[in-house]
Amino acid sequence: MATKLAATHARLFKNMFVCKNCKTKVRADSRKILEGKVRCRKCLKKAFRPIRKK
């Protein structure tokens, strides 16, 4: 059962970030987010935060 929970957790939260401007979810490598190489698809800004775990 723990493997299903870990797989679900990874699918929902691994490499997932939220745009601070328009709240769109984007899946990208965390290194690229920190370097500023990723832009939001909707508003074209580079400000992201990690997705909150519920």
PDB file of N, CA and C in Angstrom:
ATOM      1  N   MET A   1       0.814  -1.191   0.000  1.00  0.00           N
ATOM      2  CA  MET A   1       0.000   0.000   0.000  1.00  0.00           C
ATOM      3  C   MET A   1       0.864   1.264   0.000  1.00  0.00           C
ATOM      4  N   ALA A   2       2.015   1.186   0.651  1.00  0.00           N
ATOM      5  CA  ALA A   2       2.881   2.362   0.733  1.00  0.00           C
ATOM      6  C   ALA A   2       3.430   2.754  -0.631  1.00  0.00           C
ATOM      7  N   THR A   3       3.629   1.791  -1.518  1.00  0.00           N
ATOM      8  CA  THR A   3       4.149   2.127  -2.843  1.00  0.00           C
ATOM      9  C   THR A   3       3.117   2.893  -3.664  1.00  0.00           C
ATOM     10  N   LYS A   4       1.835   2.543  -3.496  1.00  0.00           N
ATOM     11  CA  LYS A   4       0.796   3.297  -4.193  1.00  0.00           C
ATOM     12  C   LYS A   4       0.740   4.727  -3.694  1.00  0.00           C
ATOM     13  N   LEU A   5       0.873   4.902  -2.389  1.00  0.00           N
ATOM     14  CA  LEU A   5       0.851   6.237  -1.810  1.00  0.00           C
ATOM     15  C   LEU A   5       2.054   7.051  -2.280  1.00  0.00           C
ATOM     16  N   ALA A   6       3.219   6.433  -2.327  1.00  0.00           N
ATOM     17  CA  ALA A   6       4.420   7.132  -2.785  1.00  0.00           C
ATOM     18  C   ALA A   6       4.315   7.486  -4.264  1.00  0.00           C
ATOM     19  N   ALA A   7       3.751   6.584  -5.062  1.00  0.00           N
ATOM     20  CA  ALA A   7       3.601   6.854  -6.493  1.00  0.00           C
ATOM     21  C   ALA A   7       2.622   7.996  -6.726  1.00  0.00           C
ATOM     22  N   THR A   8       1.541   8.009  -5.975  1.00  0.00           N
ATOM     23  CA  THR A   8       0.558   9.085  -6.101  1.00  0.00           C
ATOM     24  C   THR A   8       1.150  10.413  -5.662  1.00  0.00           C
ATOM     25  N   HIS A   9       1.883  10.397  -4.561  1.00  0.00           N
ATOM     26  CA  HIS A   9       2.519  11.610  -4.050  1.00  0.00           C
ATOM     27  C   HIS A   9       3.505  12.173  -5.075  1.00  0.00           C
ATOM     28  N   ALA A  10       4.294  11.311  -5.694  1.00  0.00           N
ATOM     29  CA  ALA A  10       5.257  11.759  -6.705  1.00  0.00           C
ATOM     30  C   ALA A  10       4.551  12.333  -7.926  1.00  0.00           C
ATOM     31  N   ARG A  11       3.465  11.707  -8.331  1.00  0.00           N
ATOM     32  CA  ARG A  11       2.740  12.176  -9.518  1.00  0.00           C
ATOM     33  C   ARG A  11       2.119  13.547  -9.280  1.00  0.00           C
ATOM     34  N   LEU A  12       1.617  13.782  -8.079  1.00  0.00           N
ATOM     35  CA  LEU A  12       0.940  15.040  -7.790  1.00  0.00           C
ATOM     36  C   LEU A  12       1.884  16.191  -7.458  1.00  0.00           C
ATOM     37  N   PHE A  13       3.016  15.906  -6.802  1.00  0.00           N
ATOM     38  CA  PHE A  13       3.829  16.987  -6.255  1.00  0.00           C
ATOM     39  C   PHE A  13       5.255  17.081  -6.785  1.00  0.00           C
ATOM     40  N   LYS A  14       5.791  16.048  -7.434  1.00  0.00           N
ATOM     41  CA  LYS A  14       7.180  16.086  -7.870  1.00  0.00           C
ATOM     42  C   LYS A  14       7.333  17.006  -9.083  1.00  0.00           C
ATOM     43  N   ASN A  15       8.247  17.955  -8.986  1.00  0.00           N
ATOM     44  CA  ASN A  15       8.553  18.907 -10.057  1.00  0.00           C
ATOM     45  C   ASN A  15       7.336  19.719 -10.480  1.00  0.00           C
ATOM     46  N   MET A  16       6.400  19.978  -9.560  1.00  0.00           N
ATOM     47  CA  MET A  16       5.213  20.758  -9.874  1.00  0.00           C
ATOM     48  C   MET A  16       5.323  22.116  -9.195  1.00  0.00           C
ATOM     49  N   PHE A  17       5.099  23.165  -9.968  1.00  0.00           N
ATOM     50  CA  PHE A  17       5.201  24.525  -9.465  1.00  0.00           C
ATOM     51  C   PHE A  17       3.970  25.311  -9.888  1.00  0.00           C
ATOM     52  N   VAL A  18       3.689  26.398  -9.156  1.00  0.00           N
ATOM     53  CA  VAL A  18       2.523  27.224  -9.418  1.00  0.00           C
ATOM     54  C   VAL A  18       3.005  28.646  -9.709  1.00  0.00           C
ATOM     55  N   CYS A  19       2.452  29.234 -10.757  1.00  0.00           N
ATOM     56  CA  CYS A  19       2.776  30.620 -11.103  1.00  0.00           C
ATOM     57  C   CYS A  19       2.232  31.539 -10.019  1.00  0.00           C
ATOM     58  N   LYS A  20       3.043  32.475  -9.582  1.00  0.00           N
ATOM     59  CA  LYS A  20       2.616  33.395  -8.533  1.00  0.00           C
ATOM     60  C   LYS A  20       1.640  34.442  -9.055  1.00  0.00           C
ATOM     61  N   ASN A  21       1.611  34.661 -10.349  1.00  0.00           N
ATOM     62  CA  ASN A  21       0.744  35.676 -10.920  1.00  0.00           C
ATOM     63  C   ASN A  21      -0.636  35.130 -11.264  1.00  0.00           C
ATOM     64  N   CYS A  22      -0.689  34.036 -12.038  1.00  0.00           N
ATOM     65  CA  CYS A  22      -1.981  33.545 -12.536  1.00  0.00           C
ATOM     66  C   CYS A  22      -2.377  32.189 -11.958  1.00  0.00           C
ATOM     67  N   LYS A  23      -1.577  31.623 -11.052  1.00  0.00           N
ATOM     68  CA  LYS A  23      -1.882  30.360 -10.365  1.00  0.00           C
ATOM     69  C   LYS A  23      -1.990  29.155 -11.296  1.00  0.00           C
ATOM     70  N   THR A  24      -1.292  29.167 -12.412  1.00  0.00           N
ATOM     71  CA  THR A  24      -1.262  28.027 -13.321  1.00  0.00           C
ATOM     72  C   THR A  24      -0.208  27.035 -12.862  1.00  0.00           C
ATOM     73  N   LYS A  25      -0.536  25.734 -12.932  1.00  0.00           N
ATOM     74  CA  LYS A  25       0.415  24.702 -12.543  1.00  0.00           C
ATOM     75  C   LYS A  25       1.308  24.352 -13.729  1.00  0.00           C
ATOM     76  N   VAL A  26       2.601  24.239 -13.455  1.00  0.00           N
ATOM     77  CA  VAL A  26       3.590  23.912 -14.467  1.00  0.00           C
ATOM     78  C   VAL A  26       4.493  22.831 -13.911  1.00  0.00           C
ATOM     79  N   ARG A  27       4.753  21.795 -14.696  1.00  0.00           N
ATOM     80  CA  ARG A  27       5.692  20.760 -14.285  1.00  0.00           C
ATOM     81  C   ARG A  27       7.026  21.054 -14.957  1.00  0.00           C
ATOM     82  N   ALA A  28       8.063  21.274 -14.143  1.00  0.00           N
ATOM     83  CA  ALA A  28       9.392  21.577 -14.663  1.00  0.00           C
ATOM     84  C   ALA A  28      10.436  21.161 -13.631  1.00  0.00           C
ATOM     85  N   ASP A  29      11.670  21.037 -14.079  1.00  0.00           N
ATOM     86  CA  ASP A  29      12.774  20.696 -13.200  1.00  0.00           C
ATOM     87  C   ASP A  29      13.051  21.863 -12.257  1.00  0.00           C
ATOM     88  N   SER A  30      13.298  21.563 -10.999  1.00  0.00           N
ATOM     89  CA  SER A  30      13.495  22.628 -10.014  1.00  0.00           C
ATOM     90  C   SER A  30      14.734  23.464 -10.306  1.00  0.00           C
ATOM     91  N   ARG A  31      15.755  22.872 -10.899  1.00  0.00           N
ATOM     92  CA  ARG A  31      16.949  23.631 -11.253  1.00  0.00           C
ATOM     93  C   ARG A  31      16.636  24.692 -12.308  1.00  0.00           C
ATOM     94  N   LYS A  32      15.805  24.345 -13.286  1.00  0.00           N
ATOM     95  CA  LYS A  32      15.424  25.310 -14.322  1.00  0.00           C
ATOM     96  C   LYS A  32      14.565  26.433 -13.747  1.00  0.00           C
ATOM     97  N   ILE A  33      13.735  26.112 -12.770  1.00  0.00           N
ATOM     98  CA  ILE A  33      12.918  27.137 -12.116  1.00  0.00           C
ATOM     99  C   ILE A  33      13.822  28.129 -11.395  1.00  0.00           C
ATOM    100  N   LEU A  34      14.815  27.624 -10.668  1.00  0.00           N
ATOM    101  CA  LEU A  34      15.721  28.495  -9.931  1.00  0.00           C
ATOM    102  C   LEU A  34      16.581  29.353 -10.859  1.00  0.00           C
ATOM    103  N   GLU A  35      16.954  28.821 -12.009  1.00  0.00           N
ATOM    104  CA  GLU A  35      17.764  29.570 -12.964  1.00  0.00           C
ATOM    105  C   GLU A  35      16.937  30.566 -13.766  1.00  0.00           C
ATOM    106  N   GLY A  36      15.621  30.480 -13.695  1.00  0.00           N
ATOM    107  CA  GLY A  36      14.749  31.405 -14.408  1.00  0.00           C
ATOM    108  C   GLY A  36      14.568  31.064 -15.872  1.00  0.00           C
ATOM    109  N   LYS A  37      14.731  29.809 -16.234  1.00  0.00           N
ATOM    110  CA  LYS A  37      14.625  29.405 -17.635  1.00  0.00           C
ATOM    111  C   LYS A  37      13.205  29.005 -18.033  1.00  0.00           C
ATOM    112  N   VAL A  38      12.305  28.903 -17.047  1.00  0.00           N
ATOM    113  CA  VAL A  38      10.942  28.461 -17.320  1.00  0.00           C
ATOM    114  C   VAL A  38      10.005  29.657 -17.242  1.00  0.00           C
ATOM    115  N   ARG A  39       9.117  29.770 -18.226  1.00  0.00           N
ATOM    116  CA  ARG A  39       8.114  30.830 -18.233  1.00  0.00           C
ATOM    117  C   ARG A  39       6.731  30.208 -18.134  1.00  0.00           C
ATOM    118  N   CYS A  40       5.812  30.966 -17.589  1.00  0.00           N
ATOM    119  CA  CYS A  40       4.423  30.528 -17.501  1.00  0.00           C
ATOM    120  C   CYS A  40       3.805  30.537 -18.892  1.00  0.00           C
ATOM    121  N   ARG A  41       2.961  29.545 -19.175  1.00  0.00           N
ATOM    122  CA  ARG A  41       2.324  29.458 -20.493  1.00  0.00           C
ATOM    123  C   ARG A  41       1.278  30.548 -20.710  1.00  0.00           C
ATOM    124  N   LYS A  42       0.623  30.957 -19.629  1.00  0.00           N
ATOM    125  CA  LYS A  42      -0.466  31.923 -19.759  1.00  0.00           C
ATOM    126  C   LYS A  42       0.013  33.375 -19.704  1.00  0.00           C
ATOM    127  N   CYS A  43       0.794  33.714 -18.676  1.00  0.00           N
ATOM    128  CA  CYS A  43       1.145  35.128 -18.468  1.00  0.00           C
ATOM    129  C   CYS A  43       2.597  35.446 -18.812  1.00  0.00           C
ATOM    130  N   LEU A  44       3.392  34.439 -19.136  1.00  0.00           N
ATOM    131  CA  LEU A  44       4.792  34.585 -19.568  1.00  0.00           C
ATOM    132  C   LEU A  44       5.718  35.156 -18.492  1.00  0.00           C
ATOM    133  N   LYS A  45       5.342  35.045 -17.221  1.00  0.00           N
ATOM    134  CA  LYS A  45       6.217  35.490 -16.136  1.00  0.00           C
ATOM    135  C   LYS A  45       7.088  34.334 -15.668  1.00  0.00           C
ATOM    136  N   LYS A  46       8.106  34.648 -14.869  1.00  0.00           N
ATOM    137  CA  LYS A  46       9.061  33.637 -14.407  1.00  0.00           C
ATOM    138  C   LYS A  46       9.001  33.422 -12.898  1.00  0.00           C
ATOM    139  N   ALA A  47       7.953  33.883 -12.244  1.00  0.00           N
ATOM    140  CA  ALA A  47       7.827  33.770 -10.791  1.00  0.00           C
ATOM    141  C   ALA A  47       7.002  32.534 -10.449  1.00  0.00           C
ATOM    142  N   PHE A  48       7.633  31.544  -9.805  1.00  0.00           N
ATOM    143  CA  PHE A  48       6.958  30.303  -9.436  1.00  0.00           C
ATOM    144  C   PHE A  48       7.194  29.998  -7.968  1.00  0.00           C
ATOM    145  N   ARG A  49       6.288  29.218  -7.407  1.00  0.00           N
ATOM    146  CA  ARG A  49       6.438  28.677  -6.052  1.00  0.00           C
ATOM    147  C   ARG A  49       6.129  27.197  -6.104  1.00  0.00           C
ATOM    148  N   PRO A  50       6.651  26.419  -5.164  1.00  0.00           N
ATOM    149  CA  PRO A  50       6.300  24.996  -5.128  1.00  0.00           C
ATOM    150  C   PRO A  50       4.819  24.832  -4.793  1.00  0.00           C
ATOM    151  N   ILE A  51       4.225  23.752  -5.278  1.00  0.00           N
ATOM    152  CA  ILE A  51       2.820  23.473  -4.994  1.00  0.00           C
ATOM    153  C   ILE A  51       2.683  23.074  -3.529  1.00  0.00           C
ATOM    154  N   ARG A  52       1.609  23.511  -2.883  1.00  0.00           N
ATOM    155  CA  ARG A  52       1.397  23.191  -1.466  1.00  0.00           C
ATOM    156  C   ARG A  52       0.858  21.787  -1.312  1.00  0.00           C
ATOM    157  N   LYS A  53       1.419  21.052  -0.384  1.00  0.00           N
ATOM    158  CA  LYS A  53       0.960  19.692  -0.097  1.00  0.00           C
ATOM    159  C   LYS A  53      -0.183  19.766   0.899  1.00  0.00           C
ATOM    160  N   LYS A  54      -1.285  19.139   0.578  1.00  0.00           N
ATOM    161  CA  LYS A  54      -2.477  19.207   1.437  1.00  0.00           C
ATOM    162  C   LYS A  54      -2.397  18.247   2.582  1.00  0.00           C
TER     163      LYS A  54
END
